[in-house]
Amino acid sequence: MRYVEDATCRPVTDVASRCTCTPEVTREEPAGSAEGTWYVSVPATAEDGGTAFVPRAAAFGLTP
């Protein structure tokens, strides 16, 4: 599991932004992980200090 400190964000509307990040994954990490669907969870903090947590913001699969 990887922790990413920051993301690059750009506004898509007056009240919403789209943020992306790219964690580095070593060759050994997927080999030692369980096969199947994995989910990306995202904590977010707004400029006004508000926070939100999305437990399944994205999904990806690992196959042998």
C-alpha atoms as a PDB file:
ATOM      1  CA  MET A   1       0.000   0.000   0.000  1.00  0.00           C
ATOM      2  CA  ARG A   2       1.326   3.391  -0.948  1.00  0.00           C
ATOM      3  CA  TYR A   3       0.729   6.763   0.648  1.00  0.00           C
ATOM      4  CA  VAL A   4       0.888   9.859  -1.536  1.00  0.00           C
ATOM      5  CA  GLU A   5       1.241  13.210   0.197  1.00  0.00           C
ATOM      6  CA  ASP A   6       0.167  15.577  -2.569  1.00  0.00           C
ATOM      7  CA  ALA A   7      -1.788  15.595  -5.786  1.00  0.00           C
ATOM      8  CA  THR A   8      -1.827  17.996  -8.712  1.00  0.00           C
ATOM      9  CA  CYS A   9      -5.235  19.691  -8.933  1.00  0.00           C
ATOM     10  CA  ARG A  10      -6.920  21.799 -11.602  1.00  0.00           C
ATOM     11  CA  PRO A  11     -10.354  23.431 -11.488  1.00  0.00           C
ATOM     12  CA  VAL A  12     -13.102  21.883 -13.622  1.00  0.00           C
ATOM     13  CA  THR A  13     -15.932  24.147 -12.412  1.00  0.00           C
ATOM     14  CA  ASP A  14     -16.232  27.088 -10.018  1.00  0.00           C
ATOM     15  CA  VAL A  15     -16.710  24.667  -7.101  1.00  0.00           C
ATOM     16  CA  ALA A  16     -14.877  21.493  -8.157  1.00  0.00           C
ATOM     17  CA  SER A  17     -11.355  20.419  -9.065  1.00  0.00           C
ATOM     18  CA  ARG A  18      -9.882  17.271 -10.581  1.00  0.00           C
ATOM     19  CA  CYS A  19      -6.788  16.010  -8.786  1.00  0.00           C
ATOM     20  CA  THR A  20      -4.309  13.382  -9.925  1.00  0.00           C
ATOM     21  CA  CYS A  21      -1.272  11.703  -8.422  1.00  0.00           C
ATOM     22  CA  THR A  22       1.101   9.000  -9.543  1.00  0.00           C
ATOM     23  CA  PRO A  23       2.551   6.778  -6.825  1.00  0.00           C
ATOM     24  CA  GLU A  24       5.674   4.836  -7.694  1.00  0.00           C
ATOM     25  CA  VAL A  25       5.238   1.070  -7.525  1.00  0.00           C
ATOM     26  CA  THR A  26       8.199  -1.289  -7.344  1.00  0.00           C
ATOM     27  CA  ARG A  27       8.225  -4.549  -9.283  1.00  0.00           C
ATOM     28  CA  GLU A  28       8.052  -6.497  -6.013  1.00  0.00           C
ATOM     29  CA  GLU A  29       4.916  -4.791  -4.643  1.00  0.00           C
ATOM     30  CA  PRO A  30       2.311  -6.257  -7.053  1.00  0.00           C
ATOM     31  CA  ALA A  31       4.004  -9.676  -6.929  1.00  0.00           C
ATOM     32  CA  GLY A  32       3.444  -9.825  -3.170  1.00  0.00           C
ATOM     33  CA  SER A  33      -0.151  -8.553  -3.264  1.00  0.00           C
ATOM     34  CA  ALA A  34      -3.441 -10.441  -3.447  1.00  0.00           C
ATOM     35  CA  GLU A  35      -4.978 -10.970  -6.870  1.00  0.00           C
ATOM     36  CA  GLY A  36      -8.317  -9.283  -7.568  1.00  0.00           C
ATOM     37  CA  THR A  37      -9.900  -5.846  -7.407  1.00  0.00           C
ATOM     38  CA  TRP A  38      -8.198  -3.167  -5.319  1.00  0.00           C
ATOM     39  CA  TYR A  39      -9.603   0.236  -4.421  1.00  0.00           C
ATOM     40  CA  VAL A  40      -8.043   3.652  -4.014  1.00  0.00           C
ATOM     41  CA  SER A  41      -9.292   5.640  -0.998  1.00  0.00           C
ATOM     42  CA  VAL A  42      -8.924   9.402  -0.905  1.00  0.00           C
ATOM     43  CA  PRO A  43      -8.971  11.906   1.941  1.00  0.00           C
ATOM     44  CA  ALA A  44      -9.385  15.481   0.703  1.00  0.00           C
ATOM     45  CA  THR A  45      -9.035  18.859   2.380  1.00  0.00           C
ATOM     46  CA  ALA A  46     -10.577  21.966   0.809  1.00  0.00           C
ATOM     47  CA  GLU A  47      -9.015  25.420   0.890  1.00  0.00           C
ATOM     48  CA  ASP A  48     -11.612  26.432   3.496  1.00  0.00           C
ATOM     49  CA  GLY A  49     -10.540  23.543   5.758  1.00  0.00           C
ATOM     50  CA  GLY A  50     -13.477  21.259   4.986  1.00  0.00           C
ATOM     51  CA  THR A  51     -12.652  17.579   4.620  1.00  0.00           C
ATOM     52  CA  ALA A  52     -14.102  14.534   2.897  1.00  0.00           C
ATOM     53  CA  PHE A  53     -13.138  10.869   2.630  1.00  0.00           C
ATOM     54  CA  VAL A  54     -13.982   8.681  -0.370  1.00  0.00           C
ATOM     55  CA  PRO A  55     -13.270   5.009   0.435  1.00  0.00           C
ATOM     56  CA  ARG A  56     -13.594   3.827  -3.201  1.00  0.00           C
ATOM     57  CA  ALA A  57     -12.543   6.722  -5.412  1.00  0.00           C
ATOM     58  CA  ALA A  58     -11.043   4.400  -8.050  1.00  0.00           C
ATOM     59  CA  ALA A  59     -10.489   0.696  -8.663  1.00  0.00           C
ATOM     60  CA  PHE A  60      -7.900  -1.422 -10.425  1.00  0.00           C
ATOM     61  CA  GLY A  61      -7.243  -5.113 -10.814  1.00  0.00           C
ATOM     62  CA  LEU A  62      -4.197  -7.290 -10.167  1.00  0.00           C
ATOM     63  CA  THR A  63      -3.779 -10.500 -12.132  1.00  0.00           C
ATOM     64  CA  PRO A  64      -0.920 -13.007 -12.066  1.00  0.00           C
END
